[in-house]
Amino acid sequence: MILHENMKNAKIMEEAFAYFLEKGIKEIQSSIVIHEKETVFTIVIKTNKTKLFDQFKQDMVCCRDDELEEYGWELMGDETCVCELRTLGMYIDNYDSKYENGIFEIKLHRKK
């Protein structure tokens, strides 16, 4: 089961990277911290594209459902990323984001 969770964590980062690379972002910093009760993904982007912050909030839909997640995981397998945040939202419980002085920071939270 741990391998399955690790693969989901990797998929979350893959989807986030693909989204921002598709938006033209050239510098992305990230980290994953696995706690006992949740995993926190932090993504930091340096950008002057202030509209990206609003676009991300509009595109991001958090709708984690364990049954839907498992079904979606089976269907997705190793297919190419679709670069949509709907897929990413399926794997996380909530997120925080802020934009200050050209730095866009996102924290994605996935509860265990």
Protein backbone atom coordinates (compact mmCIF):
# COMPACT_ATOMS: atom_id res chain seq x y z
CA MET A 1 0.00 0.00 0.00
CA ILE A 2 2.92 2.35 0.67
CA LEU A 3 4.11 1.99 -2.92
CA HIS A 4 0.61 2.89 -4.13
CA GLU A 5 0.62 6.04 -1.95
CA ASN A 6 4.12 6.96 -3.13
CA MET A 7 2.97 6.68 -6.74
CA LYS A 8 0.00 8.96 -6.00
CA ASN A 9 2.34 11.48 -4.37
CA ALA A 10 4.58 11.40 -7.45
CA LYS A 11 1.53 11.85 -9.70
CA ILE A 12 0.48 14.95 -7.72
CA MET A 13 3.86 16.58 -8.34
CA GLU A 14 3.86 15.50 -12.00
CA GLU A 15 0.44 17.08 -12.58
CA ALA A 16 1.45 20.32 -10.84
CA PHE A 17 4.71 20.58 -12.80
CA ALA A 18 2.98 19.89 -16.11
CA TYR A 19 0.37 22.57 -15.41
CA PHE A 20 2.93 25.26 -14.65
CA LEU A 21 5.32 24.28 -17.43
CA GLU A 22 2.40 24.48 -19.86
CA LYS A 23 1.77 28.02 -18.56
CA GLY A 24 5.34 28.99 -19.49
CA ILE A 25 6.90 28.91 -16.03
CA LYS A 26 10.65 28.32 -16.27
CA GLU A 27 11.61 28.01 -12.59
CA ILE A 28 9.77 25.76 -10.13
CA GLN A 29 10.95 24.77 -6.66
CA SER A 30 9.16 22.03 -4.76
CA SER A 31 9.21 19.84 -1.68
CA ILE A 32 7.20 16.99 -0.23
CA VAL A 33 6.94 16.46 3.52
CA ILE A 34 5.25 13.26 4.66
CA HIS A 35 3.77 13.59 8.13
CA GLU A 36 1.93 10.93 10.10
CA LYS A 37 -1.52 12.33 9.29
CA GLU A 38 -0.95 14.18 6.02
CA THR A 39 1.45 14.86 3.19
CA VAL A 40 2.21 18.48 2.30
CA PHE A 41 3.44 19.43 -1.16
CA THR A 42 4.98 22.90 -1.48
CA ILE A 43 5.49 24.53 -4.86
CA VAL A 44 7.26 27.88 -5.20
CA ILE A 45 7.32 29.77 -8.47
CA LYS A 46 9.10 33.02 -9.28
CA THR A 47 6.97 34.92 -11.76
CA ASN A 48 5.69 38.36 -12.64
CA LYS A 49 2.60 36.78 -14.17
CA THR A 50 0.13 37.99 -11.55
CA LYS A 51 -2.77 36.56 -13.56
CA LEU A 52 -1.33 33.07 -13.04
CA PHE A 53 -2.33 33.25 -9.36
CA ASP A 54 -5.96 34.03 -10.26
CA GLN A 55 -5.97 31.44 -13.05
CA PHE A 56 -4.68 28.74 -10.70
CA LYS A 57 -7.38 29.48 -8.12
CA GLN A 58 -10.02 29.38 -10.85
CA ASP A 59 -8.72 26.12 -12.36
CA MET A 60 -8.06 24.27 -9.10
CA VAL A 61 -10.97 22.19 -7.87
CA CYS A 62 -10.51 20.13 -4.71
CA CYS A 63 -12.90 17.24 -4.77
CA ARG A 64 -11.11 14.25 -3.26
CA ASP A 65 -13.27 11.17 -3.07
CA ASP A 66 -11.53 7.92 -2.11
CA GLU A 67 -13.62 5.73 -4.42
CA LEU A 68 -13.29 8.13 -7.35
CA GLU A 69 -9.57 8.45 -6.64
CA GLU A 70 -9.03 4.68 -6.82
CA TYR A 71 -11.12 4.36 -9.98
CA GLY A 72 -9.30 7.28 -11.60
CA TRP A 73 -5.93 5.87 -10.58
CA GLU A 74 -6.72 2.55 -12.26
CA LEU A 75 -7.83 4.31 -15.45
CA MET A 76 -4.90 6.73 -15.54
CA GLY A 77 -2.11 4.25 -14.99
CA ASP A 78 1.03 5.57 -16.67
CA GLU A 79 -0.71 7.63 -19.33
CA THR A 80 0.55 11.02 -20.33
CA CYS A 81 -0.39 13.95 -18.10
CA VAL A 82 -3.46 15.85 -19.23
CA CYS A 83 -2.16 19.07 -17.62
CA GLU A 84 -5.47 19.89 -15.99
CA LEU A 85 -5.94 20.72 -12.35
CA ARG A 86 -9.14 18.65 -12.15
CA THR A 87 -6.97 15.55 -12.07
CA LEU A 88 -4.72 17.08 -9.41
CA GLY A 89 -7.73 18.12 -7.32
CA MET A 90 -8.90 14.51 -7.26
CA TYR A 91 -5.85 13.60 -5.14
CA ILE A 92 -5.72 16.42 -2.58
CA ASP A 93 -7.96 17.48 0.29
CA ASN A 94 -7.27 21.22 0.26
CA TYR A 95 -4.69 23.82 -0.68
CA ASP A 96 -3.33 27.21 0.36
CA SER A 97 -1.84 29.73 -2.03
CA LYS A 98 -0.36 33.19 -1.84
CA TYR A 99 1.36 35.63 -4.17
CA GLU A 100 3.76 38.26 -2.83
CA ASN A 101 6.58 40.20 -4.52
CA GLY A 102 6.80 37.95 -7.57
CA ILE A 103 6.71 34.71 -5.56
CA PHE A 104 3.74 32.36 -5.98
CA GLU A 105 3.60 29.71 -3.24
CA ILE A 106 1.18 26.80 -3.16
CA LYS A 107 0.76 24.18 -0.44
CA LEU A 108 -1.25 21.10 -1.36
CA HIS A 109 -2.53 18.96 1.53
CA ARG A 110 -3.32 15.25 1.26
CA LYS A 111 -4.66 13.59 4.40
CA LYS A 112 -3.98 9.95 5.14
